[in-house]
C-alpha atoms as a PDB file:
ATOM      1  CA  MET A   1     -63.875 -15.369  16.686  1.00  0.00           C
ATOM      2  CA  LEU A   2     -61.027 -17.919  18.580  1.00  0.00           C
ATOM      3  CA  ARG A   3     -60.596 -19.862  15.102  1.00  0.00           C
ATOM      4  CA  ILE A   4     -60.987 -16.566  13.062  1.00  0.00           C
ATOM      5  CA  ASP A   5     -57.520 -15.583  15.275  1.00  0.00           C
ATOM      6  CA  ALA A   6     -56.109 -19.348  14.985  1.00  0.00           C
ATOM      7  CA  VAL A   7     -56.506 -18.930  11.179  1.00  0.00           C
ATOM      8  CA  ALA A   8     -54.857 -15.355  11.065  1.00  0.00           C
ATOM      9  CA  LYS A   9     -51.937 -16.554  13.236  1.00  0.00           C
ATOM     10  CA  GLN A  10     -51.128 -19.749  11.242  1.00  0.00           C
ATOM     11  CA  ASN A  11     -51.275 -17.540   8.031  1.00  0.00           C
ATOM     12  CA  ALA A  12     -48.942 -15.298   9.565  1.00  0.00           C
ATOM     13  CA  SER A  13     -46.266 -17.520  10.495  1.00  0.00           C
ATOM     14  CA  GLN A  14     -45.953 -19.342   7.283  1.00  0.00           C
ATOM     15  CA  ARG A  15     -43.928 -16.159   5.688  1.00  0.00           C
ATOM     16  CA  THR A  16     -41.356 -15.276   8.173  1.00  0.00           C
ATOM     17  CA  ARG A  17     -39.710 -11.661   7.558  1.00  0.00           C
ATOM     18  CA  VAL A  18     -35.370 -11.793   7.901  1.00  0.00           C
ATOM     19  CA  PRO A  19     -34.906  -8.323   9.443  1.00  0.00           C
ATOM     20  CA  GLY A  20     -33.547  -5.119   7.817  1.00  0.00           C
ATOM     21  CA  GLN A  21     -35.249  -6.775   4.869  1.00  0.00           C
ATOM     22  CA  PRO A  22     -37.493  -3.931   3.205  1.00  0.00           C
ATOM     23  CA  LEU A  23     -41.313  -4.429   3.421  1.00  0.00           C
ATOM     24  CA  ARG A  24     -43.382  -5.739   1.098  1.00  0.00           C
ATOM     25  CA  LEU A  25     -46.800  -4.420   0.553  1.00  0.00           C
ATOM     26  CA  ILE A  26     -49.663  -3.602  -1.132  1.00  0.00           C
ATOM     27  CA  VAL A  27     -51.484  -0.234  -1.361  1.00  0.00           C
ATOM     28  CA  VAL A  28     -55.468  -0.561  -1.082  1.00  0.00           C
ATOM     29  CA  GLU A  29     -56.481   2.960  -2.114  1.00  0.00           C
ATOM     30  CA  ASP A  30     -59.413   4.239  -4.742  1.00  0.00           C
ATOM     31  CA  ASP A  31     -58.673   7.992  -4.743  1.00  0.00           C
ATOM     32  CA  GLY A  32     -55.774   8.117  -7.752  1.00  0.00           C
ATOM     33  CA  ALA A  33     -54.151  10.498  -6.825  1.00  0.00           C
ATOM     34  CA  ALA A  34     -53.930   9.553  -3.560  1.00  0.00           C
ATOM     35  CA  ALA A  35     -52.858   6.269  -4.462  1.00  0.00           C
ATOM     36  CA  ASP A  36     -49.898   7.432  -6.592  1.00  0.00           C
ATOM     37  CA  MET A  37     -48.178   9.528  -3.296  1.00  0.00           C
ATOM     38  CA  LEU A  38     -48.148   6.420  -1.067  1.00  0.00           C
ATOM     39  CA  ALA A  39     -46.851   4.261  -3.994  1.00  0.00           C
ATOM     40  CA  VAL A  40     -43.805   6.635  -4.360  1.00  0.00           C
ATOM     41  CA  VAL A  41     -42.858   7.256   0.085  1.00  0.00           C
ATOM     42  CA  VAL A  42     -43.653   3.831  -0.250  1.00  0.00           C
ATOM     43  CA  THR A  43     -40.829   3.678  -2.932  1.00  0.00           C
ATOM     44  CA  ASP A  44     -38.790   6.207  -1.575  1.00  0.00           C
ATOM     45  CA  LEU A  45     -38.667   4.587   2.176  1.00  0.00           C
ATOM     46  CA  GLY A  46     -36.756   1.499   0.531  1.00  0.00           C
ATOM     47  CA  HIS A  47     -39.915  -0.690   0.717  1.00  0.00           C
ATOM     48  CA  THR A  48     -41.476  -2.586  -2.727  1.00  0.00           C
ATOM     49  CA  LEU A  49     -44.906  -2.018  -4.088  1.00  0.00           C
ATOM     50  CA  CYS A  50     -46.109  -5.298  -5.093  1.00  0.00           C
ATOM     51  CA  GLY A  51     -49.064  -3.008  -6.586  1.00  0.00           C
ATOM     52  CA  VAL A  52     -51.796  -0.947  -6.031  1.00  0.00           C
ATOM     53  CA  ALA A  53     -55.106  -2.144  -5.856  1.00  0.00           C
ATOM     54  CA  ARG A  54     -58.439  -0.079  -6.346  1.00  0.00           C
ATOM     55  CA  THR A  55     -61.264  -2.194  -4.828  1.00  0.00           C
ATOM     56  CA  GLU A  56     -61.773  -5.637  -2.816  1.00  0.00           C
ATOM     57  CA  ASP A  57     -61.469  -8.051  -5.674  1.00  0.00           C
ATOM     58  CA  GLU A  58     -57.915  -6.100  -6.406  1.00  0.00           C
ATOM     59  CA  ALA A  59     -56.245  -6.299  -3.348  1.00  0.00           C
ATOM     60  CA  VAL A  60     -57.254  -9.790  -2.550  1.00  0.00           C
ATOM     61  CA  GLU A  61     -56.258 -10.506  -6.396  1.00  0.00           C
ATOM     62  CA  LEU A  62     -52.606  -8.728  -5.155  1.00  0.00           C
ATOM     63  CA  ALA A  63     -52.442 -10.078  -2.780  1.00  0.00           C
ATOM     64  CA  THR A  64     -52.967 -13.752  -3.127  1.00  0.00           C
ATOM     65  CA  ARG A  65     -50.432 -13.249  -7.022  1.00  0.00           C
ATOM     66  CA  GLU A  66     -48.020 -10.845  -4.476  1.00  0.00           C
ATOM     67  CA  ARG A  67     -48.209 -12.726  -1.233  1.00  0.00           C
ATOM     68  CA  PRO A  68     -47.172  -9.501   0.109  1.00  0.00           C
ATOM     69  CA  ASP A  69     -46.242  -8.663   4.521  1.00  0.00           C
ATOM     70  CA  LEU A  70     -49.060  -6.061   4.457  1.00  0.00           C
ATOM     71  CA  ALA A  71     -51.138  -3.108   3.345  1.00  0.00           C
ATOM     72  CA  LEU A  72     -51.670  -0.433   3.876  1.00  0.00           C
ATOM     73  CA  MET A  73     -55.505   0.286   3.731  1.00  0.00           C
ATOM     74  CA  ASP A  74     -57.994   3.016   2.878  1.00  0.00           C
ATOM     75  CA  VAL A  75     -60.792   2.987   5.453  1.00  0.00           C
ATOM     76  CA  ARG A  76     -63.190   4.197   3.185  1.00  0.00           C
ATOM     77  CA  LEU A  77     -62.839   2.653  -0.061  1.00  0.00           C
ATOM     78  CA  GLY A  78     -65.550   4.041  -2.933  1.00  0.00           C
ATOM     79  CA  GLY A  79     -68.251   1.246  -2.670  1.00  0.00           C
ATOM     80  CA  GLY A  80     -66.757  -0.661  -0.565  1.00  0.00           C
ATOM     81  CA  ASP A  81     -65.380  -1.102   2.860  1.00  0.00           C
ATOM     82  CA  GLY A  82     -61.452  -0.923   3.500  1.00  0.00           C
ATOM     83  CA  ILE A  83     -61.825  -2.655   7.004  1.00  0.00           C
ATOM     84  CA  ALA A  84     -63.690  -5.481   5.778  1.00  0.00           C
ATOM     85  CA  VAL A  85     -61.035  -5.781   2.858  1.00  0.00           C
ATOM     86  CA  ALA A  86     -58.439  -5.942   5.499  1.00  0.00           C
ATOM     87  CA  ARG A  87     -59.709  -8.657   7.434  1.00  0.00           C
ATOM     88  CA  ARG A  88     -60.571 -10.512   4.585  1.00  0.00           C
ATOM     89  CA  LEU A  89     -56.617 -10.116   3.849  1.00  0.00           C
ATOM     90  CA  ASN A  90     -55.304 -11.178   7.325  1.00  0.00           C
ATOM     91  CA  LEU A  91     -57.991 -14.230   6.932  1.00  0.00           C
ATOM     92  CA  GLY A  92     -56.440 -15.691   3.315  1.00  0.00           C
ATOM     93  CA  HIS A  93     -53.256 -14.435   3.365  1.00  0.00           C
ATOM     94  CA  GLY A  94     -52.094 -13.254   6.818  1.00  0.00           C
ATOM     95  CA  VAL A  95     -51.573 -10.132   5.001  1.00  0.00           C
ATOM     96  CA  ARG A  96     -51.979  -7.467   8.111  1.00  0.00           C
ATOM     97  CA  SER A  97     -53.109  -3.836   7.605  1.00  0.00           C
ATOM     98  CA  ILE A  98     -52.136   0.162   8.254  1.00  0.00           C
ATOM     99  CA  TYR A  99     -54.871   1.931   7.662  1.00  0.00           C
ATOM    100  CA  LEU A 100     -55.325   5.247   6.215  1.00  0.00           C
ATOM    101  CA  SER A 101     -57.593   6.858   7.430  1.00  0.00           C
ATOM    102  CA  GLY A 102     -59.796  10.455   7.234  1.00  0.00           C
ATOM    103  CA  ASN A 103     -62.408   9.886   9.790  1.00  0.00           C
ATOM    104  CA  SER A 104     -61.176   8.710  13.595  1.00  0.00           C
ATOM    105  CA  ASP A 105     -64.783   8.837  15.231  1.00  0.00           C
ATOM    106  CA  HIS A 106     -65.164   5.963  18.022  1.00  0.00           C
ATOM    107  CA  GLY A 107     -67.638   4.001  15.523  1.00  0.00           C
ATOM    108  CA  THR A 108     -64.394   3.919  12.786  1.00  0.00           C
ATOM    109  CA  MET A 109     -61.789   2.990  15.308  1.00  0.00           C
ATOM    110  CA  ALA A 110     -63.916   0.318  16.888  1.00  0.00           C
ATOM    111  CA  ARG A 111     -63.878  -2.041  13.827  1.00  0.00           C
ATOM    112  CA  ILE A 112     -60.095  -0.663  12.632  1.00  0.00           C
ATOM    113  CA  THR A 113     -59.137  -2.177  16.420  1.00  0.00           C
ATOM    114  CA  GLU A 114     -61.090  -5.640  15.796  1.00  0.00           C
ATOM    115  CA  THR A 115     -59.036  -6.256  13.379  1.00  0.00           C
ATOM    116  CA  TYR A 116     -55.609  -6.697  14.976  1.00  0.00           C
ATOM    117  CA  PRO A 117     -54.489  -3.507  12.725  1.00  0.00           C
ATOM    118  CA  LEU A 118     -50.007  -3.039  12.926  1.00  0.00           C
ATOM    119  CA  GLY A 119     -50.545   0.569  12.613  1.00  0.00           C
ATOM    120  CA  VAL A 120     -53.364   3.045  12.076  1.00  0.00           C
ATOM    121  CA  VAL A 121     -52.342   6.507  10.216  1.00  0.00           C
ATOM    122  CA  HIS A 122     -54.720   9.470  10.330  1.00  0.00           C
ATOM    123  CA  LYS A 123     -54.664  11.467   6.861  1.00  0.00           C
ATOM    124  CA  PRO A 124     -54.154  13.595   6.612  1.00  0.00           C
ATOM    125  CA  PHE A 125     -50.353  12.538   6.475  1.00  0.00           C
ATOM    126  CA  SER A 126     -46.946  13.099   6.398  1.00  0.00           C
ATOM    127  CA  HIS A 127     -44.142  11.484   4.959  1.00  0.00           C
ATOM    128  CA  ALA A 128     -42.371  11.195   8.980  1.00  0.00           C
ATOM    129  CA  GLN A 129     -45.709   9.719   9.923  1.00  0.00           C
ATOM    130  CA  LEU A 130     -46.423   6.934   7.188  1.00  0.00           C
ATOM    131  CA  LYS A 131     -41.771   6.611   7.730  1.00  0.00           C
ATOM    132  CA  VAL A 132     -42.505   5.493  11.495  1.00  0.00           C
ATOM    133  CA  ALA A 133     -45.824   3.053  10.797  1.00  0.00           C
ATOM    134  CA  LEU A 134     -43.861   1.808   8.200  1.00  0.00           C
ATOM    135  CA  ASP A 135     -41.185   1.287  10.778  1.00  0.00           C
ATOM    136  CA  LEU A 136     -42.760  -0.001  13.214  1.00  0.00           C
ATOM    137  CA  ALA A 137     -44.612  -3.019  11.261  1.00  0.00           C
ATOM    138  CA  ALA A 138     -41.173  -3.674  10.082  1.00  0.00           C
ATOM    139  CA  ARG A 139     -40.465  -4.797  13.737  1.00  0.00           C
ATOM    140  CA  ARG A 140     -43.940  -6.031  14.415  1.00  0.00           C
ATOM    141  CA  LEU A 141     -43.625  -8.700  11.674  1.00  0.00           C
ATOM    142  CA  ARG A 142     -39.620 -10.023  12.708  1.00  0.00           C
END
């Protein structure tokens, strides 16, 4: 486990953010309507949307190509596990996640915590809740 943490920290340290700069992010969400809404909110808040992925493979390809600062990650992807995708993005690309979850059970929250998230936003969420999560993430990434 120590090696995994060291690799993730090394990947994250290779990118530095300039204070006040908008975040570059990807949305990983399998529900089309939810993904569209997130895309609108993210851009309304002044951040750069690098793309939307609906599957693990799309998320990895998008992160490889775009090198985002973070991912807005749905915990339960249709046919997949958003927590596993977030772990893969962090280890392989240094991309950390803010989780979007309709579940707050102990098991799910424990698995999320193990990936060192930048935040968790529970569904249904408001524009203001997402703004706070993104603002806090930006500060943590500086």
